[in-house]
Amino acid sequence: MTGIHSTLLANDAARGDAPPPVLLGYQQKWVADDSPLKIAEKSRRVGLTWAEASDDVLIAAAEGGTNVFYIGPTQDMALEYIEACAMWARAYDYAAGQIEEGIFQDGDKEIKTYKIDFPSSGRRIVALSSRPTNLRGKQGVIVIDEAAFHPDLKALLKAAMAMLLWGDKVRIISTHDGTDNAFNELIQEIRAGRRKGAVHRITFREAIEQGLYRRVCLRRGIDWTAAGETAWVEDAYAYYGDDAAEELDVVPSQGGGAFLTMSLIEKRMSPDTALVRGAWKQEFGHLPDNERWMEVDAWCAENLLPHLLQLDAARYHGFGEDFGRVADLTVLTFLEEGSDLINRVRLMVELSNCPFRQQEQILFYIVDKLPRFRSGVLDATGNGAYLAERAAQRYGASRIEQLRLSEGFYIEHMPRFKAALQDATLDRLPKDSQIRDDLRALRVIDGVARLPNVKTQKGDGKRLQRHGDAAISLFLANYAMKREVVPMEFQSLGRARESAQLSDYIEA
């Protein structure tokens, strides 16, 4: 604990008629912990960010101190934090500049900031109104507030950990958001000894026992009574209802963070399922049409045809597609319905920086060779509308659905997708860490299972950035196999496909 904190608390203790300590017991314990990496899993509204602000002012204002960067989920929280820092600076009698607003450049995104400068040390505290994707090049203490609600906490932590190598510190504060959330996983890693760090656990009832309600009474100017405290606690639990265990008792809900658990996903994976990845350089898109066509045709024959020849000619097949062109991947997932009515992934294809015409070429190459092709669903959002339309023109609007993903669609069909994985009627996903992480990126947002509107896996030079692409492709493939589709007798070219079966066209 810092010297000033120790003096304040000692003076309080020496006076028998003193008001409660400036910091409550759990706040004191948090501030006193000087671990390079420390995490607080906490109840709502226990004042831990306020306590952190008290320590951060000492860190930034003291001679030989360092900068502090606070990363919060909203502009209101960033402003509330910086105002707390200003209050603590006045309490400590430190000279500090006025709160200034500014801009933090995060790639092509601008993040609003609030800043306090300390002339005595030449350091500053900066509060950001949203979470940056990159902290590289920054130096100082990093405070990540409500970390469980960061869409890519792992990437942020990876950047923040660089601070530890130079003697700075990382503080992570949050309520829980499910057992499968990266915040809870970080805590479990530390508790299991797989990662170095310290964990503080602060429940609502523990905070009450250590004087939280008394502090509320002091602030509101009302007298404390045991009956009043009991009623206040009962009201808090009544307000949160079924969420009280997670929000107040610090018990992460089962599956509340990620929509799908890691164990469920990995249970449905198979090392035998084909996963084909194709990536093209930027200059490939500028080659003449015939050169691109020949190169991709050769790529298809080498990488796709061997898997297509292994498909069961007696079984129905379908697919789902999530479209991407430059920033995202296009992912195609092909399912085969077994005699046991289980839909198994037989082939997944990922295309990176693939020109529109070649995506069409690859899709047609595969679907033309699918035995008993039943249905396909393509993401028709934005630029994806082109490929979806071309597929419908070729294979018929009844068998191809041009889908614009919406909240209503997620609400209706995501639970069915999860149920198919749980009861193993959707099986044999490719055994691959990026596929797994795409599926784990699905989250319950405002009660709806979907992907967050950010990149879910960052590129690092070896791996491409992703936005849950494989998850949406698999989701749509499962939906495609459940659609009510009338078998089509003819292709748009007026000839039966080579893989067509007589039973496709005859009622049983």
Protein backbone atom coordinates (compact mmCIF):
# COMPACT_ATOMS: atom_id res chain seq x y z
CA MET A 1 0.00 0.00 0.00
CA THR A 2 1.26 3.49 -0.77
CA GLY A 3 2.54 5.70 2.05
CA ILE A 4 -0.27 8.22 1.80
CA HIS A 5 -2.90 5.47 1.97
CA SER A 6 -1.21 4.01 5.05
CA THR A 7 -1.14 7.41 6.78
CA LEU A 8 -4.81 8.10 6.07
CA LEU A 9 -5.89 4.76 7.43
CA ALA A 10 -3.62 4.95 10.46
CA ASN A 11 -4.97 8.39 11.36
CA ASP A 12 -8.54 7.09 11.07
CA ALA A 13 -7.74 4.16 13.36
CA ALA A 14 -6.14 6.42 15.99
CA ARG A 15 -9.33 8.42 16.46
CA GLY A 16 -12.02 6.60 18.37
CA ASP A 17 -14.76 8.84 17.01
CA ALA A 18 -13.45 8.79 13.46
CA PRO A 19 -15.75 8.21 10.49
CA PRO A 20 -15.31 4.97 8.53
CA PRO A 21 -11.96 4.57 6.77
CA VAL A 22 -11.59 6.35 3.47
CA LEU A 23 -11.33 2.95 1.79
CA LEU A 24 -13.29 -0.08 2.96
CA GLY A 25 -11.48 -3.30 3.79
CA TYR A 26 -11.73 -4.94 0.38
CA GLN A 27 -10.74 -1.66 -1.30
CA GLN A 28 -7.70 -1.40 0.97
CA LYS A 29 -6.71 -4.97 0.16
CA TRP A 30 -6.98 -4.27 -3.56
CA VAL A 31 -4.89 -1.11 -3.41
CA ALA A 32 -2.30 -2.77 -1.14
CA ASP A 33 -1.71 -5.61 -3.60
CA ASP A 34 1.27 -4.57 -5.71
CA SER A 35 1.21 -7.60 -8.02
CA PRO A 36 2.21 -6.80 -11.61
CA LEU A 37 -1.00 -8.48 -12.83
CA LYS A 38 -4.05 -8.45 -10.59
CA ILE A 39 -7.67 -9.22 -11.34
CA ALA A 40 -10.84 -8.42 -9.42
CA GLU A 41 -13.97 -10.49 -9.97
CA LYS A 42 -16.59 -8.44 -8.23
CA SER A 43 -20.20 -7.64 -7.52
CA ARG A 44 -21.88 -4.66 -9.09
CA ARG A 45 -21.46 -1.22 -7.52
CA VAL A 46 -18.95 -1.97 -4.78
CA GLY A 47 -16.71 1.01 -5.56
CA LEU A 48 -13.61 -0.80 -6.75
CA THR A 49 -13.00 1.51 -9.71
CA TRP A 50 -13.20 4.44 -7.28
CA ALA A 51 -10.55 2.78 -5.11
CA GLU A 52 -8.40 2.07 -8.16
CA ALA A 53 -8.56 5.77 -9.05
CA SER A 54 -7.13 6.62 -5.62
CA ASP A 55 -4.07 4.48 -6.30
CA ASP A 56 -3.69 5.63 -9.90
CA VAL A 57 -3.35 9.27 -8.85
CA LEU A 58 -0.45 8.33 -6.56
CA ILE A 59 1.15 6.30 -9.35
CA ALA A 60 0.94 9.14 -11.88
CA ALA A 61 1.61 12.13 -9.56
CA ALA A 62 4.51 10.79 -7.49
CA GLU A 63 8.07 11.60 -8.45
CA GLY A 64 9.36 8.84 -10.68
CA GLY A 65 5.79 7.72 -11.38
CA THR A 66 4.34 6.45 -14.61
CA ASN A 67 1.40 7.10 -16.91
CA VAL A 68 -1.93 5.38 -16.32
CA PHE A 69 -4.28 4.32 -19.14
CA TYR A 70 -7.85 3.47 -18.14
CA ILE A 71 -9.86 1.47 -20.67
CA GLY A 72 -13.57 1.42 -19.97
CA PRO A 73 -16.64 0.19 -21.85
CA THR A 74 -18.45 3.52 -22.21
CA GLN A 75 -17.81 7.25 -22.36
CA ASP A 76 -19.81 7.77 -19.14
CA MET A 77 -17.59 5.34 -17.23
CA ALA A 78 -14.42 6.95 -18.58
CA LEU A 79 -15.67 10.37 -17.48
CA GLU A 80 -16.76 9.04 -14.06
CA TYR A 81 -13.31 7.51 -13.55
CA ILE A 82 -11.38 10.64 -14.54
CA GLU A 83 -13.58 12.77 -12.25
CA ALA A 84 -12.75 10.38 -9.40
CA CYS A 85 -9.06 10.83 -10.19
CA ALA A 86 -9.48 14.62 -10.06
CA MET A 87 -11.19 14.31 -6.68
CA TRP A 88 -8.37 12.15 -5.30
CA ALA A 89 -5.76 14.58 -6.62
CA ARG A 90 -7.43 17.36 -4.63
CA ALA A 91 -7.64 15.15 -1.54
CA TYR A 92 -3.93 14.38 -1.75
CA ASP A 93 -3.18 18.05 -2.46
CA TYR A 94 -1.40 17.23 -5.69
CA ALA A 95 -1.15 19.90 -8.33
CA ALA A 96 -3.01 18.64 -11.39
CA GLY A 97 -4.16 20.10 -14.66
CA GLN A 98 -7.79 20.46 -15.61
CA ILE A 99 -9.59 17.51 -17.19
CA GLU A 100 -8.94 17.74 -20.92
CA GLU A 101 -10.74 16.00 -23.74
CA GLY A 102 -8.77 14.55 -26.61
CA ILE A 103 -8.60 11.86 -29.28
CA PHE A 104 -6.78 8.50 -29.22
CA GLN A 105 -5.94 7.23 -32.70
CA ASP A 106 -6.67 3.51 -32.97
CA GLY A 107 -5.90 2.61 -36.56
CA ASP A 108 -8.67 4.22 -38.60
CA LYS A 109 -10.84 4.72 -35.51
CA GLU A 110 -10.85 7.73 -33.19
CA ILE A 111 -11.56 7.16 -29.49
CA LYS A 112 -12.54 10.04 -27.22
CA THR A 113 -10.25 10.47 -24.19
CA TYR A 114 -10.18 12.38 -20.93
CA LYS A 115 -6.80 13.37 -19.50
CA ILE A 116 -5.25 14.82 -16.33
CA ASP A 117 -1.61 15.99 -16.34
CA PHE A 118 0.57 16.13 -13.21
CA PRO A 119 3.30 18.80 -13.43
CA SER A 120 5.18 17.37 -10.45
CA SER A 121 5.99 14.14 -12.29
CA GLY A 122 5.38 15.01 -15.92
CA ARG A 123 3.00 12.02 -16.07
CA ARG A 124 -0.67 11.76 -16.91
CA ILE A 125 -3.80 9.70 -16.46
CA VAL A 126 -5.74 9.01 -19.66
CA ALA A 127 -9.25 7.54 -19.65
CA LEU A 128 -10.47 6.13 -22.97
CA SER A 129 -14.17 6.06 -23.79
CA SER A 130 -13.96 2.67 -25.50
CA ARG A 131 -11.49 -0.14 -25.82
CA PRO A 132 -8.65 0.20 -28.32
CA THR A 133 -7.58 -2.73 -30.46
CA ASN A 134 -3.92 -1.91 -30.03
CA LEU A 135 -1.85 -0.64 -27.07
CA ARG A 136 1.53 -1.21 -28.64
CA GLY A 137 3.94 1.66 -28.21
CA LYS A 138 2.23 2.84 -25.00
CA GLN A 139 3.98 2.68 -21.63
CA GLY A 140 2.38 2.77 -18.19
CA VAL A 141 -0.12 1.10 -15.92
CA ILE A 142 -3.12 -0.35 -17.77
CA VAL A 143 -6.52 -0.49 -16.06
CA ILE A 144 -9.16 -2.52 -17.91
CA ASP A 145 -12.63 -2.01 -16.45
CA GLU A 146 -15.58 -4.38 -17.05
CA ALA A 147 -13.17 -6.62 -18.94
CA ALA A 148 -15.63 -9.50 -19.33
CA PHE A 149 -17.63 -7.38 -21.77
CA HIS A 150 -14.73 -6.67 -24.09
CA PRO A 151 -15.38 -8.35 -27.47
CA ASP A 152 -11.73 -9.43 -27.83
CA LEU A 153 -10.21 -9.46 -24.33
CA LYS A 154 -7.52 -11.94 -25.34
CA ALA A 155 -6.08 -9.57 -27.95
CA LEU A 156 -6.21 -6.63 -25.54
CA LEU A 157 -4.46 -8.64 -22.82
CA LYS A 158 -1.77 -9.71 -25.25
CA ALA A 159 -0.94 -6.08 -25.95
CA ALA A 160 -1.28 -5.03 -22.29
CA MET A 161 1.11 -7.73 -21.06
CA ALA A 162 3.99 -5.96 -22.82
CA MET A 163 3.76 -3.35 -20.04
CA LEU A 164 4.84 -5.95 -17.49
CA LEU A 165 8.19 -6.45 -19.21
CA TRP A 166 9.14 -2.84 -18.42
CA GLY A 167 8.08 -2.97 -14.79
CA ASP A 168 4.59 -1.53 -15.22
CA LYS A 169 1.35 -3.13 -14.11
CA VAL A 170 -1.97 -4.38 -15.44
CA ARG A 171 -5.19 -4.15 -13.40
CA ILE A 172 -8.31 -5.93 -14.61
CA ILE A 173 -11.69 -5.27 -12.97
CA SER A 174 -15.03 -6.80 -13.93
CA THR A 175 -18.25 -8.49 -13.04
CA HIS A 176 -18.70 -11.87 -14.69
CA ASP A 177 -20.34 -12.63 -18.01
CA GLY A 178 -20.47 -16.42 -18.07
CA THR A 179 -18.16 -19.35 -17.43
CA ASP A 180 -16.84 -19.45 -20.98
CA ASN A 181 -15.92 -15.78 -21.10
CA ALA A 182 -12.22 -14.92 -21.57
CA PHE A 183 -12.31 -13.01 -18.26
CA ASN A 184 -13.34 -16.11 -16.32
CA GLU A 185 -10.85 -18.25 -18.23
CA LEU A 186 -8.05 -15.85 -17.26
CA ILE A 187 -9.04 -16.18 -13.61
CA GLN A 188 -9.09 -19.97 -13.84
CA GLU A 189 -5.64 -19.99 -15.46
CA ILE A 190 -4.21 -17.97 -12.58
CA ARG A 191 -5.90 -20.11 -9.97
CA ALA A 192 -4.64 -23.25 -11.70
CA GLY A 193 -1.09 -21.88 -11.66
CA ARG A 194 -0.83 -21.74 -15.46
CA ARG A 195 -0.46 -17.96 -15.46
CA LYS A 196 1.19 -15.64 -12.94
CA GLY A 197 -1.07 -13.10 -11.25
CA ALA A 198 -3.33 -12.35 -8.28
CA VAL A 199 -7.12 -12.66 -8.08
CA HIS A 200 -9.42 -10.75 -5.71
CA ARG A 201 -13.01 -11.88 -5.24
CA ILE A 202 -15.50 -9.36 -3.86
CA THR A 203 -19.11 -10.42 -3.38
CA PHE A 204 -21.98 -8.10 -2.54
CA ARG A 205 -22.52 -9.63 0.92
CA GLU A 206 -18.80 -9.36 1.75
CA ALA A 207 -18.87 -5.71 0.74
CA ILE A 208 -21.90 -5.17 3.01
CA GLU A 209 -20.11 -6.85 5.93
CA GLN A 210 -17.16 -4.52 5.41
CA GLY A 211 -19.28 -1.37 5.50
CA LEU A 212 -20.67 -0.75 2.01
CA TYR A 213 -24.17 0.09 3.21
CA ARG A 214 -22.79 2.29 5.97
CA ARG A 215 -20.88 4.19 3.28
CA VAL A 216 -24.12 4.52 1.27
CA CYS A 217 -25.86 5.95 4.34
CA LEU A 218 -22.99 8.40 4.91
CA ARG A 219 -23.19 9.61 1.34
CA ARG A 220 -26.98 9.89 1.38
CA GLY A 221 -27.01 11.60 4.79
CA ILE A 222 -29.24 9.01 6.49
CA ASP A 223 -28.78 7.06 9.71
CA TRP A 224 -27.60 3.47 9.51
CA THR A 225 -29.86 0.81 11.03
CA ALA A 226 -29.65 -2.95 10.89
CA ALA A 227 -33.21 -3.14 9.59
CA GLY A 228 -32.43 -0.62 6.88
CA GLU A 229 -29.38 -2.59 5.81
CA THR A 230 -31.35 -5.85 5.65
CA ALA A 231 -34.08 -4.24 3.55
CA TRP A 232 -31.50 -2.66 1.23
CA VAL A 233 -29.81 -6.01 0.62
CA GLU A 234 -33.14 -7.77 0.02
CA ASP A 235 -34.12 -5.11 -2.49
CA ALA A 236 -30.83 -5.52 -4.37
CA TYR A 237 -31.39 -9.26 -4.78
CA ALA A 238 -35.02 -8.68 -5.76
CA TYR A 239 -34.00 -6.23 -8.47
CA TYR A 240 -31.52 -8.65 -10.04
CA GLY A 241 -33.76 -11.71 -9.74
CA ASP A 242 -32.31 -14.75 -11.49
CA ASP A 243 -29.19 -12.76 -12.41
CA ALA A 244 -28.28 -12.11 -8.77
CA ALA A 245 -25.88 -15.06 -8.55
CA GLU A 246 -23.71 -13.61 -11.32
CA GLU A 247 -24.23 -9.90 -10.72
CA LEU A 248 -23.98 -9.91 -6.92
CA ASP A 249 -22.56 -13.24 -5.72
CA VAL A 250 -19.77 -13.40 -8.32
CA VAL A 251 -20.86 -16.78 -9.67
CA PRO A 252 -20.42 -16.82 -13.47
CA SER A 253 -23.47 -18.18 -15.23
CA GLN A 254 -23.18 -21.33 -17.27
CA GLY A 255 -22.63 -20.40 -20.90
CA GLY A 256 -23.52 -16.76 -20.29
CA GLY A 257 -20.36 -15.44 -21.90
CA ALA A 258 -20.03 -17.54 -25.03
CA PHE A 259 -23.13 -19.00 -26.67
CA LEU A 260 -21.38 -22.35 -27.18
CA THR A 261 -19.05 -23.97 -24.67
CA MET A 262 -15.59 -25.08 -25.64
CA SER A 263 -16.30 -28.65 -24.52
CA LEU A 264 -19.42 -28.87 -26.70
CA ILE A 265 -17.61 -27.57 -29.78
CA GLU A 266 -14.59 -29.82 -29.39
CA LYS A 267 -16.83 -32.82 -28.78
CA ARG A 268 -18.33 -32.30 -32.24
CA MET A 269 -14.97 -32.01 -34.02
CA SER A 270 -13.20 -34.65 -36.05
CA PRO A 271 -9.61 -34.68 -37.40
CA ASP A 272 -10.89 -36.53 -40.48
CA THR A 273 -13.12 -33.71 -41.76
CA ALA A 274 -11.66 -31.90 -44.75
CA LEU A 275 -10.72 -28.24 -44.29
CA VAL A 276 -9.34 -26.48 -47.37
CA ARG A 277 -7.92 -22.96 -47.17
CA GLY A 278 -7.12 -20.83 -50.19
CA ALA A 279 -5.47 -17.40 -50.11
CA TRP A 280 -4.61 -15.13 -53.03
CA LYS A 281 -2.32 -12.13 -53.28
CA GLN A 282 -3.67 -8.71 -54.16
CA GLU A 283 -2.15 -8.70 -57.63
CA PHE A 284 -3.99 -11.92 -58.52
CA GLY A 285 -7.22 -9.94 -58.84
CA HIS A 286 -5.71 -7.83 -61.63
CA LEU A 287 -4.80 -10.74 -63.91
CA PRO A 288 -6.83 -11.32 -67.11
CA ASP A 289 -10.00 -13.35 -66.68
CA ASN A 290 -8.70 -16.43 -68.46
CA GLU A 291 -5.51 -16.57 -66.38
CA ARG A 292 -7.43 -16.31 -63.13
CA TRP A 293 -9.89 -18.93 -64.34
CA MET A 294 -7.20 -21.44 -65.30
CA GLU A 295 -5.24 -20.96 -62.10
CA VAL A 296 -8.29 -21.43 -59.88
CA ASP A 297 -9.54 -24.36 -61.94
CA ALA A 298 -6.21 -26.09 -61.33
CA TRP A 299 -6.46 -25.19 -57.64
CA CYS A 300 -9.94 -26.74 -57.44
CA ALA A 301 -8.83 -29.93 -59.17
CA GLU A 302 -5.89 -30.31 -56.81
CA ASN A 303 -7.49 -29.27 -53.50
CA LEU A 304 -11.24 -29.87 -53.81
CA LEU A 305 -11.88 -32.68 -56.28
CA PRO A 306 -10.31 -35.47 -54.16
CA HIS A 307 -12.75 -34.65 -51.34
CA LEU A 308 -15.76 -34.31 -53.66
CA LEU A 309 -15.11 -37.74 -55.18
CA GLN A 310 -15.46 -39.27 -51.71
CA LEU A 311 -19.00 -37.98 -51.15
CA ASP A 312 -21.74 -40.61 -50.84
CA ALA A 313 -23.83 -40.53 -54.02
CA ALA A 314 -26.86 -41.88 -52.15
CA ARG A 315 -27.03 -39.10 -49.58
CA TYR A 316 -28.47 -35.58 -49.64
CA HIS A 317 -26.06 -32.62 -49.46
CA GLY A 318 -26.39 -28.90 -48.75
CA PHE A 319 -24.27 -25.91 -47.83
CA GLY A 320 -24.06 -22.58 -46.05
CA GLU A 321 -21.88 -19.62 -47.00
CA ASP A 322 -20.60 -16.58 -45.11
CA PHE A 323 -19.29 -14.00 -47.55
CA GLY A 324 -16.11 -11.93 -47.34
CA ARG A 325 -13.90 -10.24 -49.88
CA VAL A 326 -11.02 -8.20 -48.41
CA ALA A 327 -11.27 -7.84 -44.63
CA ASP A 328 -13.20 -11.07 -43.96
CA LEU A 329 -13.07 -14.62 -45.24
CA THR A 330 -15.62 -16.37 -47.38
CA VAL A 331 -16.36 -19.71 -45.74
CA LEU A 332 -18.35 -22.53 -47.38
CA THR A 333 -19.56 -25.46 -45.29
CA PHE A 334 -20.92 -28.59 -47.00
CA LEU A 335 -23.07 -31.05 -45.06
CA GLU A 336 -24.10 -34.60 -45.82
CA GLU A 337 -27.26 -36.08 -44.33
CA GLY A 338 -26.64 -39.65 -43.13
CA SER A 339 -29.16 -42.49 -43.07
CA ASP A 340 -29.38 -41.78 -39.32
CA LEU A 341 -30.52 -38.20 -40.15
CA ILE A 342 -27.31 -36.73 -38.70
CA ASN A 343 -25.85 -33.87 -40.73
CA ARG A 344 -22.08 -34.26 -40.91
CA VAL A 345 -19.61 -31.72 -42.23
CA ARG A 346 -17.86 -33.30 -45.20
CA LEU A 347 -15.96 -30.27 -46.44
CA MET A 348 -15.25 -26.73 -45.27
CA VAL A 349 -13.58 -24.24 -47.62
CA GLU A 350 -12.10 -20.89 -46.56
CA LEU A 351 -11.25 -18.28 -49.19
CA SER A 352 -9.09 -15.24 -48.43
CA ASN A 353 -8.84 -12.25 -50.80
CA CYS A 354 -10.51 -14.24 -53.54
CA PRO A 355 -11.96 -12.18 -56.44
CA PHE A 356 -15.74 -12.20 -56.88
CA ARG A 357 -15.61 -14.13 -60.15
CA GLN A 358 -13.35 -16.80 -58.67
CA GLN A 359 -15.58 -17.22 -55.63
CA GLU A 360 -18.39 -17.91 -58.08
CA GLN A 361 -16.13 -20.32 -59.99
CA ILE A 362 -15.20 -22.26 -56.83
CA LEU A 363 -18.79 -22.40 -55.56
CA PHE A 364 -20.12 -23.68 -58.89
CA TYR A 365 -17.26 -26.19 -59.17
CA ILE A 366 -18.27 -27.75 -55.86
CA VAL A 367 -22.07 -27.56 -56.07
CA ASP A 368 -22.08 -28.98 -59.62
CA LYS A 369 -20.46 -32.10 -58.15
CA LEU A 370 -22.57 -32.44 -55.02
CA PRO A 371 -24.63 -35.66 -55.06
CA ARG A 372 -28.34 -35.06 -54.50
CA PHE A 373 -27.94 -31.37 -53.83
CA ARG A 374 -30.83 -30.29 -51.62
CA SER A 375 -30.34 -26.68 -50.55
CA GLY A 376 -27.88 -23.86 -50.10
CA VAL A 377 -28.09 -20.65 -48.07
CA LEU A 378 -25.82 -17.72 -48.88
CA ASP A 379 -25.15 -14.55 -46.93
CA ALA A 380 -26.61 -11.86 -49.20
CA THR A 381 -25.58 -8.93 -47.02
CA GLY A 382 -23.64 -6.18 -48.80
CA ASN A 383 -21.32 -7.50 -51.51
CA GLY A 384 -22.48 -11.04 -50.76
CA ALA A 385 -25.64 -10.30 -52.71
CA TYR A 386 -23.78 -10.83 -55.99
CA LEU A 387 -22.73 -14.41 -55.32
CA ALA A 388 -26.07 -15.27 -53.74
CA GLU A 389 -27.93 -14.01 -56.80
CA ARG A 390 -25.65 -15.88 -59.22
CA ALA A 391 -26.14 -19.12 -57.26
CA ALA A 392 -29.94 -18.68 -57.32
CA GLN A 393 -29.85 -18.10 -61.07
CA ARG A 394 -27.83 -21.27 -61.62
CA TYR A 395 -29.49 -23.69 -59.21
CA GLY A 396 -32.96 -22.22 -58.81
CA ALA A 397 -34.48 -19.83 -56.31
CA SER A 398 -36.24 -22.66 -54.50
CA ARG A 399 -33.00 -24.44 -53.63
CA ILE A 400 -30.88 -21.31 -53.01
CA GLU A 401 -31.90 -18.86 -50.31
CA GLN A 402 -30.40 -15.38 -50.54
CA LEU A 403 -30.39 -14.49 -46.86
CA ARG A 404 -29.87 -11.12 -45.24
CA LEU A 405 -29.04 -11.93 -41.64
CA SER A 406 -31.24 -10.15 -39.12
CA GLU A 407 -31.93 -10.17 -35.41
CA GLY A 408 -35.20 -11.99 -36.01
CA PHE A 409 -33.42 -14.74 -37.93
CA TYR A 410 -30.86 -15.16 -35.14
CA ILE A 411 -33.61 -15.30 -32.52
CA GLU A 412 -35.46 -18.05 -34.37
CA HIS A 413 -32.62 -20.21 -35.62
CA MET A 414 -29.62 -19.85 -33.27
CA PRO A 415 -31.29 -21.94 -30.53
CA ARG A 416 -31.93 -24.69 -33.11
CA PHE A 417 -28.30 -24.54 -34.20
CA LYS A 418 -27.13 -24.96 -30.61
CA ALA A 419 -29.58 -27.80 -30.03
CA ALA A 420 -28.26 -29.60 -33.14
CA LEU A 421 -24.76 -29.49 -31.68
CA GLN A 422 -25.97 -30.56 -28.25
CA ASP A 423 -27.91 -33.58 -29.49
CA ALA A 424 -25.24 -34.45 -32.10
CA THR A 425 -27.54 -34.13 -35.10
CA LEU A 426 -24.86 -31.75 -36.41
CA ASP A 427 -21.47 -33.39 -36.18
CA ARG A 428 -17.90 -33.84 -37.44
CA LEU A 429 -16.76 -30.24 -37.61
CA PRO A 430 -13.15 -29.76 -38.73
CA LYS A 431 -10.80 -30.10 -35.78
CA ASP A 432 -9.13 -26.72 -35.96
CA SER A 433 -8.44 -24.03 -33.36
CA GLN A 434 -9.59 -21.14 -35.57
CA ILE A 435 -12.86 -22.90 -36.38
CA ARG A 436 -13.36 -23.52 -32.67
CA ASP A 437 -12.64 -19.89 -31.78
CA ASP A 438 -15.02 -18.67 -34.49
CA LEU A 439 -17.80 -20.68 -32.87
CA ARG A 440 -16.85 -19.50 -29.39
CA ALA A 441 -17.11 -15.91 -30.63
CA LEU A 442 -20.91 -16.27 -30.78
CA ARG A 443 -22.27 -14.36 -27.82
CA VAL A 444 -25.63 -13.54 -26.27
CA ILE A 445 -26.02 -9.81 -26.90
CA ASP A 446 -29.17 -8.20 -25.51
CA GLY A 447 -30.68 -11.66 -25.27
CA VAL A 448 -29.85 -12.65 -28.86
CA ALA A 449 -27.09 -15.10 -29.84
CA ARG A 450 -24.96 -13.50 -32.55
CA LEU A 451 -21.48 -12.22 -33.37
CA PRO A 452 -20.26 -8.93 -31.89
CA ASN A 453 -19.65 -6.15 -34.40
CA VAL A 454 -15.86 -6.42 -34.12
CA LYS A 455 -13.14 -8.74 -35.34
CA THR A 456 -13.20 -11.86 -33.19
CA GLN A 457 -9.71 -13.06 -34.09
CA LYS A 458 -6.94 -10.63 -34.96
CA GLY A 459 -4.43 -11.22 -37.74
CA ASP A 460 -0.79 -11.56 -36.72
CA GLY A 461 1.05 -11.99 -40.02
CA LYS A 462 0.64 -15.76 -39.93
CA ARG A 463 -3.09 -15.97 -39.34
CA LEU A 464 -5.76 -13.85 -40.97
CA GLN A 465 -8.17 -11.74 -38.97
CA ARG A 466 -11.60 -13.30 -38.65
CA HIS A 467 -15.11 -12.28 -37.73
CA GLY A 468 -16.60 -15.61 -36.71
CA ASP A 469 -16.78 -16.51 -40.41
CA ALA A 470 -16.80 -20.29 -39.95
CA ALA A 471 -19.48 -20.04 -37.26
CA ILE A 472 -21.95 -18.26 -39.57
CA SER A 473 -21.18 -20.61 -42.46
CA LEU A 474 -21.88 -23.66 -40.29
CA PHE A 475 -24.98 -22.01 -38.83
CA LEU A 476 -26.38 -21.38 -42.32
CA ALA A 477 -25.45 -24.86 -43.53
CA ASN A 478 -27.42 -26.41 -40.68
CA TYR A 479 -30.37 -24.16 -41.53
CA ALA A 480 -30.09 -25.09 -45.21
CA MET A 481 -30.49 -28.80 -44.45
CA LYS A 482 -33.71 -28.09 -42.52
CA ARG A 483 -35.38 -26.07 -45.26
CA GLU A 484 -38.46 -27.44 -47.03
CA VAL A 485 -37.21 -27.80 -50.60
CA VAL A 486 -38.86 -29.41 -53.63
CA PRO A 487 -36.28 -31.41 -55.66
CA MET A 488 -35.40 -29.69 -58.94
CA GLU A 489 -35.41 -31.79 -62.08
CA PHE A 490 -33.33 -29.52 -64.29
CA GLN A 491 -30.39 -27.18 -63.96
CA SER A 492 -30.66 -23.67 -65.35
CA LEU A 493 -28.58 -24.83 -68.34
CA GLY A 494 -31.32 -27.29 -69.31
CA ARG A 495 -29.40 -30.50 -68.61
CA ALA A 496 -29.34 -32.91 -65.72
CA ARG A 497 -26.29 -32.68 -63.51
CA GLU A 498 -23.77 -35.50 -63.90
CA SER A 499 -24.26 -36.38 -60.23
CA ALA A 500 -28.07 -36.38 -60.41
CA GLN A 501 -29.85 -39.51 -59.21
CA LEU A 502 -33.08 -40.90 -60.62
CA SER A 503 -34.47 -41.07 -57.08
CA ASP A 504 -34.14 -37.27 -56.91
CA TYR A 505 -37.10 -36.92 -59.22
CA ILE A 506 -39.37 -39.82 -58.28
CA GLU A 507 -41.71 -39.86 -55.32
CA ALA A 508 -40.91 -42.70 -52.93
